[in-house]
C-alpha atoms as a PDB file:
ATOM      1  CA  MET A   1       0.160  -0.089   0.230  1.00  0.00           C
ATOM      2  CA  ALA A   2       1.790   3.518  -1.017  1.00  0.00           C
ATOM      3  CA  VAL A   3      -0.041   5.472   1.272  1.00  0.00           C
ATOM      4  CA  LYS A   4      -0.286   4.482   4.942  1.00  0.00           C
ATOM      5  CA  GLN A   5      -2.645   7.115   6.174  1.00  0.00           C
ATOM      6  CA  ARG A   6      -4.196  10.321   4.680  1.00  0.00           C
ATOM      7  CA  PHE A   7      -5.753  13.226   6.420  1.00  0.00           C
ATOM      8  CA  GLU A   8      -7.565  15.996   4.814  1.00  0.00           C
ATOM      9  CA  GLY A   9      -9.063  19.275   5.628  1.00  0.00           C
ATOM     10  CA  GLU A  10      -9.330  23.234   5.848  1.00  0.00           C
ATOM     11  CA  PHE A  11      -8.711  25.995   8.396  1.00  0.00           C
ATOM     12  CA  LEU A  12      -8.685  29.422   8.848  1.00  0.00           C
ATOM     13  CA  ARG A  13      -5.600  31.501   9.443  1.00  0.00           C
ATOM     14  CA  PHE A  14      -4.969  34.984   8.498  1.00  0.00           C
ATOM     15  CA  GLY A  15      -8.386  35.457   7.407  1.00  0.00           C
ATOM     16  CA  LYS A  16      -7.877  32.918   4.481  1.00  0.00           C
ATOM     17  CA  LYS A  17      -9.329  29.568   4.051  1.00  0.00           C
ATOM     18  CA  ILE A  18      -6.305  27.227   3.991  1.00  0.00           C
ATOM     19  CA  GLY A  19      -6.857  23.489   2.463  1.00  0.00           C
ATOM     20  CA  TYR A  20      -4.091  20.796   3.312  1.00  0.00           C
ATOM     21  CA  GLU A  21      -3.435  17.099   2.771  1.00  0.00           C
ATOM     22  CA  LEU A  22      -1.216  15.154   4.634  1.00  0.00           C
ATOM     23  CA  LEU A  23       0.195  11.909   3.400  1.00  0.00           C
ATOM     24  CA  LEU A  24       2.075   9.175   5.344  1.00  0.00           C
ATOM     25  CA  ILE A  25       4.378   7.233   2.788  1.00  0.00           C
ATOM     26  CA  GLU A  26       7.860   5.535   2.125  1.00  0.00           C
ATOM     27  CA  LYS A  27       9.994   8.465   1.588  1.00  0.00           C
ATOM     28  CA  SER A  28      11.440   6.100  -1.553  1.00  0.00           C
ATOM     29  CA  LEU A  29       8.182   6.694  -3.312  1.00  0.00           C
ATOM     30  CA  ILE A  30       9.121  10.299  -4.056  1.00  0.00           C
ATOM     31  CA  VAL A  31      12.641  10.630  -4.048  1.00  0.00           C
ATOM     32  CA  ASP A  32      14.358  12.106  -7.408  1.00  0.00           C
ATOM     33  CA  GLU A  33      17.913  13.296  -6.343  1.00  0.00           C
ATOM     34  CA  THR A  34      18.274  14.696  -9.853  1.00  0.00           C
ATOM     35  CA  ILE A  35      15.576  17.360  -9.008  1.00  0.00           C
ATOM     36  CA  ARG A  36      18.391  19.192  -6.811  1.00  0.00           C
ATOM     37  CA  GLU A  37      19.504  20.483 -10.419  1.00  0.00           C
ATOM     38  CA  LYS A  38      16.631  22.447 -10.785  1.00  0.00           C
ATOM     39  CA  CYS A  39      18.500  24.843  -8.183  1.00  0.00           C
ATOM     40  CA  ARG A  40      21.576  25.052 -10.044  1.00  0.00           C
ATOM     41  CA  VAL A  41      19.353  26.052 -13.166  1.00  0.00           C
ATOM     42  CA  ASP A  42      17.097  28.095 -11.541  1.00  0.00           C
ATOM     43  CA  LYS A  43      19.877  29.725  -9.773  1.00  0.00           C
ATOM     44  CA  SER A  44      17.612  32.068  -7.466  1.00  0.00           C
ATOM     45  CA  ASN A  45      19.229  30.115  -4.316  1.00  0.00           C
ATOM     46  CA  TYR A  46      21.769  27.697  -5.468  1.00  0.00           C
ATOM     47  CA  GLY A  47      24.736  28.558  -3.145  1.00  0.00           C
ATOM     48  CA  LYS A  48      22.972  31.606  -1.637  1.00  0.00           C
ATOM     49  CA  ASN A  49      20.590  29.777   1.210  1.00  0.00           C
ATOM     50  CA  TYR A  50      22.056  26.938   3.389  1.00  0.00           C
ATOM     51  CA  ALA A  51      18.813  25.254   2.671  1.00  0.00           C
ATOM     52  CA  CYS A  52      19.281  24.821  -1.052  1.00  0.00           C
ATOM     53  CA  PRO A  53      22.068  22.872  -2.793  1.00  0.00           C
ATOM     54  CA  PRO A  54      24.719  22.322  -2.747  1.00  0.00           C
ATOM     55  CA  PHE A  55      24.742  22.992   0.895  1.00  0.00           C
ATOM     56  CA  ALA A  56      21.625  20.503   1.522  1.00  0.00           C
ATOM     57  CA  PRO A  57      22.544  16.835   1.712  1.00  0.00           C
ATOM     58  CA  LYS A  58      20.927  14.402  -0.215  1.00  0.00           C
ATOM     59  CA  ILE A  59      17.913  12.622   1.124  1.00  0.00           C
ATOM     60  CA  GLY A  60      19.497   9.212   1.047  1.00  0.00           C
ATOM     61  CA  GLN A  61      21.748  10.331   4.172  1.00  0.00           C
ATOM     62  CA  PHE A  62      18.788  10.207   6.087  1.00  0.00           C
ATOM     63  CA  PRO A  63      17.945   7.136   8.022  1.00  0.00           C
ATOM     64  CA  HIS A  64      14.369   7.179   8.198  1.00  0.00           C
ATOM     65  CA  LYS A  65      12.052   5.112   6.212  1.00  0.00           C
ATOM     66  CA  ASN A  66       9.049   7.183   5.857  1.00  0.00           C
ATOM     67  CA  ILE A  67       7.734  10.828   5.424  1.00  0.00           C
ATOM     68  CA  LEU A  68       4.400  12.388   6.513  1.00  0.00           C
ATOM     69  CA  VAL A  69       3.924  15.314   3.572  1.00  0.00           C
ATOM     70  CA  TYR A  70       1.779  18.049   4.274  1.00  0.00           C
ATOM     71  CA  LEU A  71       0.622  20.110   1.561  1.00  0.00           C
ATOM     72  CA  PHE A  72      -0.958  23.350   2.324  1.00  0.00           C
ATOM     73  CA  TYR A  73      -3.081  25.599  -0.470  1.00  0.00           C
ATOM     74  CA  VAL A  74      -4.787  28.610  -0.769  1.00  0.00           C
ATOM     75  CA  TYR A  75      -7.184  30.287  -3.417  1.00  0.00           C
ATOM     76  CA  GLY A  76      -5.160  33.274  -5.249  1.00  0.00           C
ATOM     77  CA  ARG A  77      -1.678  33.413  -6.679  1.00  0.00           C
ATOM     78  CA  ASN A  78       0.333  36.056  -5.195  1.00  0.00           C
ATOM     79  CA  LEU A  79       3.642  36.390  -3.033  1.00  0.00           C
ATOM     80  CA  ASN A  80       1.699  36.989   0.434  1.00  0.00           C
ATOM     81  CA  ASN A  81      -0.076  33.829   0.157  1.00  0.00           C
ATOM     82  CA  TRP A  82       3.067  32.008  -0.462  1.00  0.00           C
ATOM     83  CA  GLU A  83       4.966  33.455   2.509  1.00  0.00           C
ATOM     84  CA  ILE A  84       2.184  32.506   4.642  1.00  0.00           C
ATOM     85  CA  LEU A  85       2.097  29.111   3.472  1.00  0.00           C
ATOM     86  CA  ALA A  86       5.796  28.847   3.726  1.00  0.00           C
ATOM     87  CA  LYS A  87       5.693  30.121   7.126  1.00  0.00           C
ATOM     88  CA  LEU A  88       3.174  27.581   8.067  1.00  0.00           C
ATOM     89  CA  THR A  89       5.262  24.982   6.636  1.00  0.00           C
ATOM     90  CA  TYR A  90       7.993  25.447   8.953  1.00  0.00           C
ATOM     91  CA  ASP A  91       5.997  26.375  12.027  1.00  0.00           C
ATOM     92  CA  TYR A  92       3.956  22.803  11.542  1.00  0.00           C
ATOM     93  CA  GLY A  93       7.270  20.887  10.865  1.00  0.00           C
ATOM     94  CA  ARG A  94       9.023  22.090  13.808  1.00  0.00           C
ATOM     95  CA  ARG A  95       6.208  20.729  15.746  1.00  0.00           C
ATOM     96  CA  LEU A  96       5.947  17.856  14.153  1.00  0.00           C
ATOM     97  CA  GLU A  97       9.622  16.877  14.741  1.00  0.00           C
ATOM     98  CA  LYS A  98       8.943  16.468  18.198  1.00  0.00           C
ATOM     99  CA  GLU A  99       5.936  14.046  18.073  1.00  0.00           C
ATOM    100  CA  LEU A 100       7.454  12.150  15.198  1.00  0.00           C
ATOM    101  CA  GLU A 101      11.028  11.975  16.465  1.00  0.00           C
ATOM    102  CA  GLY A 102      12.218  12.791  12.719  1.00  0.00           C
ATOM    103  CA  ILE A 103      13.210  15.964  10.739  1.00  0.00           C
ATOM    104  CA  CYS A 104      11.158  18.383   8.682  1.00  0.00           C
ATOM    105  CA  PHE A 105      11.827  19.830   5.091  1.00  0.00           C
ATOM    106  CA  ILE A 106      10.521  23.294   4.265  1.00  0.00           C
ATOM    107  CA  ALA A 107       8.692  24.765   1.328  1.00  0.00           C
ATOM    108  CA  GLY A 108      11.638  26.923  -0.366  1.00  0.00           C
ATOM    109  CA  GLN A 109      14.562  28.384   0.995  1.00  0.00           C
ATOM    110  CA  CYS A 110      15.234  29.158   4.438  1.00  0.00           C
ATOM    111  CA  ARG A 111      13.674  32.473   5.743  1.00  0.00           C
ATOM    112  CA  LEU A 112      14.996  33.000   9.290  1.00  0.00           C
ATOM    113  CA  CYS A 113      17.652  35.522   8.067  1.00  0.00           C
ATOM    114  CA  GLU A 114      16.718  38.550   5.559  1.00  0.00           C
ATOM    115  CA  LYS A 115      20.086  37.577   4.091  1.00  0.00           C
ATOM    116  CA  CYS A 116      21.235  34.122   4.274  1.00  0.00           C
ATOM    117  CA  LYS A 117      25.408  34.170   5.718  1.00  0.00           C
ATOM    118  CA  ALA A 118      26.025  31.375   2.830  1.00  0.00           C
ATOM    119  CA  GLU A 119      26.206  34.144   0.469  1.00  0.00           C
ATOM    120  CA  GLU A 120      29.075  35.905   2.008  1.00  0.00           C
ATOM    121  CA  GLY A 121      30.606  32.656   3.060  1.00  0.00           C
ATOM    122  CA  LYS A 122      30.090  32.821   6.737  1.00  0.00           C
ATOM    123  CA  PRO A 123      28.580  30.161   8.830  1.00  0.00           C
ATOM    124  CA  CYS A 124      24.710  29.670   9.464  1.00  0.00           C
ATOM    125  CA  ILE A 125      23.889  32.123  12.522  1.00  0.00           C
ATOM    126  CA  HIS A 126      20.636  29.583  13.135  1.00  0.00           C
ATOM    127  CA  PRO A 127      22.196  26.290  12.546  1.00  0.00           C
ATOM    128  CA  GLU A 128      19.530  24.426  15.030  1.00  0.00           C
ATOM    129  CA  GLU A 129      16.654  26.056  13.525  1.00  0.00           C
ATOM    130  CA  MET A 130      17.355  26.365  10.018  1.00  0.00           C
ATOM    131  CA  ARG A 131      15.727  23.395   8.047  1.00  0.00           C
ATOM    132  CA  TYR A 132      16.502  22.162   4.282  1.00  0.00           C
ATOM    133  CA  SER A 133      14.129  22.833   1.327  1.00  0.00           C
ATOM    134  CA  PHE A 134      11.838  19.887   0.442  1.00  0.00           C
ATOM    135  CA  THR A 135      13.177  20.072  -3.095  1.00  0.00           C
ATOM    136  CA  ALA A 136      17.022  20.677  -2.046  1.00  0.00           C
ATOM    137  CA  VAL A 137      17.349  17.326  -0.632  1.00  0.00           C
ATOM    138  CA  GLY A 138      15.779  15.464  -3.771  1.00  0.00           C
ATOM    139  CA  LEU A 139      12.341  14.923  -2.779  1.00  0.00           C
ATOM    140  CA  ASP A 140      10.025  15.390  -6.070  1.00  0.00           C
ATOM    141  CA  SER A 141       6.559  17.183  -5.511  1.00  0.00           C
ATOM    142  CA  GLU A 142       6.038  16.055  -9.422  1.00  0.00           C
ATOM    143  CA  LYS A 143       6.098  12.496  -8.193  1.00  0.00           C
ATOM    144  CA  LEU A 144       4.255  13.137  -4.779  1.00  0.00           C
ATOM    145  CA  ASN A 145       1.025  14.453  -7.193  1.00  0.00           C
ATOM    146  CA  SER A 146       0.694  10.638  -8.104  1.00  0.00           C
ATOM    147  CA  PHE A 147      -0.611   9.773  -4.446  1.00  0.00           C
ATOM    148  CA  LEU A 148      -2.305  13.398  -3.657  1.00  0.00           C
ATOM    149  CA  ARG A 149      -5.997  13.974  -3.987  1.00  0.00           C
ATOM    150  CA  GLN A 150      -5.501  17.781  -4.225  1.00  0.00           C
ATOM    151  CA  LYS A 151      -3.311  17.584  -7.341  1.00  0.00           C
ATOM    152  CA  ILE A 152      -0.390  20.554  -6.944  1.00  0.00           C
ATOM    153  CA  VAL A 153      -0.660  22.418 -10.266  1.00  0.00           C
ATOM    154  CA  TRP A 154       1.891  25.461 -10.319  1.00  0.00           C
ATOM    155  CA  ASN A 155       0.868  28.155 -12.186  1.00  0.00           C
ATOM    156  CA  SER A 156      -2.968  27.899 -11.504  1.00  0.00           C
ATOM    157  CA  GLU A 157      -5.189  29.700  -9.523  1.00  0.00           C
ATOM    158  CA  TYR A 158      -3.803  28.665  -6.006  1.00  0.00           C
ATOM    159  CA  THR A 159      -0.662  28.836  -4.073  1.00  0.00           C
ATOM    160  CA  TYR A 160       0.681  25.618  -2.797  1.00  0.00           C
ATOM    161  CA  ALA A 161       3.292  24.985  -0.286  1.00  0.00           C
ATOM    162  CA  VAL A 162       5.051  21.330   0.194  1.00  0.00           C
ATOM    163  CA  ALA A 163       7.196  20.001   2.838  1.00  0.00           C
ATOM    164  CA  GLY A 164       7.358  16.710   4.891  1.00  0.00           C
ATOM    165  CA  CYS A 165       8.854  15.199   8.046  1.00  0.00           C
ATOM    166  CA  LEU A 166      10.831  12.097   8.127  1.00  0.00           C
ATOM    167  CA  THR A 167       9.791   9.373  10.666  1.00  0.00           C
ATOM    168  CA  ASN A 168       9.996   5.986  11.141  1.00  0.00           C
ATOM    169  CA  HIS A 169       6.811   5.700  12.289  1.00  0.00           C
ATOM    170  CA  GLU A 170       4.132   3.446  10.423  1.00  0.00           C
ATOM    171  CA  LYS A 171       1.079   4.956  11.797  1.00  0.00           C
ATOM    172  CA  LEU A 172       0.073   8.282  13.067  1.00  0.00           C
ATOM    173  CA  ASP A 173      -2.376   9.442  15.759  1.00  0.00           C
ATOM    174  CA  LEU A 174      -2.788  13.068  14.686  1.00  0.00           C
ATOM    175  CA  LYS A 175      -5.440  15.532  16.257  1.00  0.00           C
END
């Protein structure tokens, strides 16, 4: 069975109705380490943010078997919606890490500093709080789409943010 557990719904935050879908699946089902090359081609954060390649480790370096993937989405394509969802992935992931005894990956680059110290060749000033990008470690949202009910359609009328928390748990009791 590909999807071990699924949770879906919506909630109100920041005056917006935000949809979500959570899936507990084997991480191997959505791994494609060549996806990291998108960051090199895009060049917006490659080598400029510690959450992104070449600094981000490959997913194979993490021993966890499963991943709880969480997708947040909201109607309307704009930067404000993206920033809200990206922050939600970080905040939710940090809570999940404790509950699942795992490590989370965020949507997009790390946003803890206004300008990442990686650009200056200096060490990260928030190494304990910084989390790697979902795509930067080699997790592929396109592969993930085959398991989602709410399909990620980039450049549609919705804004999406996908993230995940590695775990060895086989079943979750999320409230």
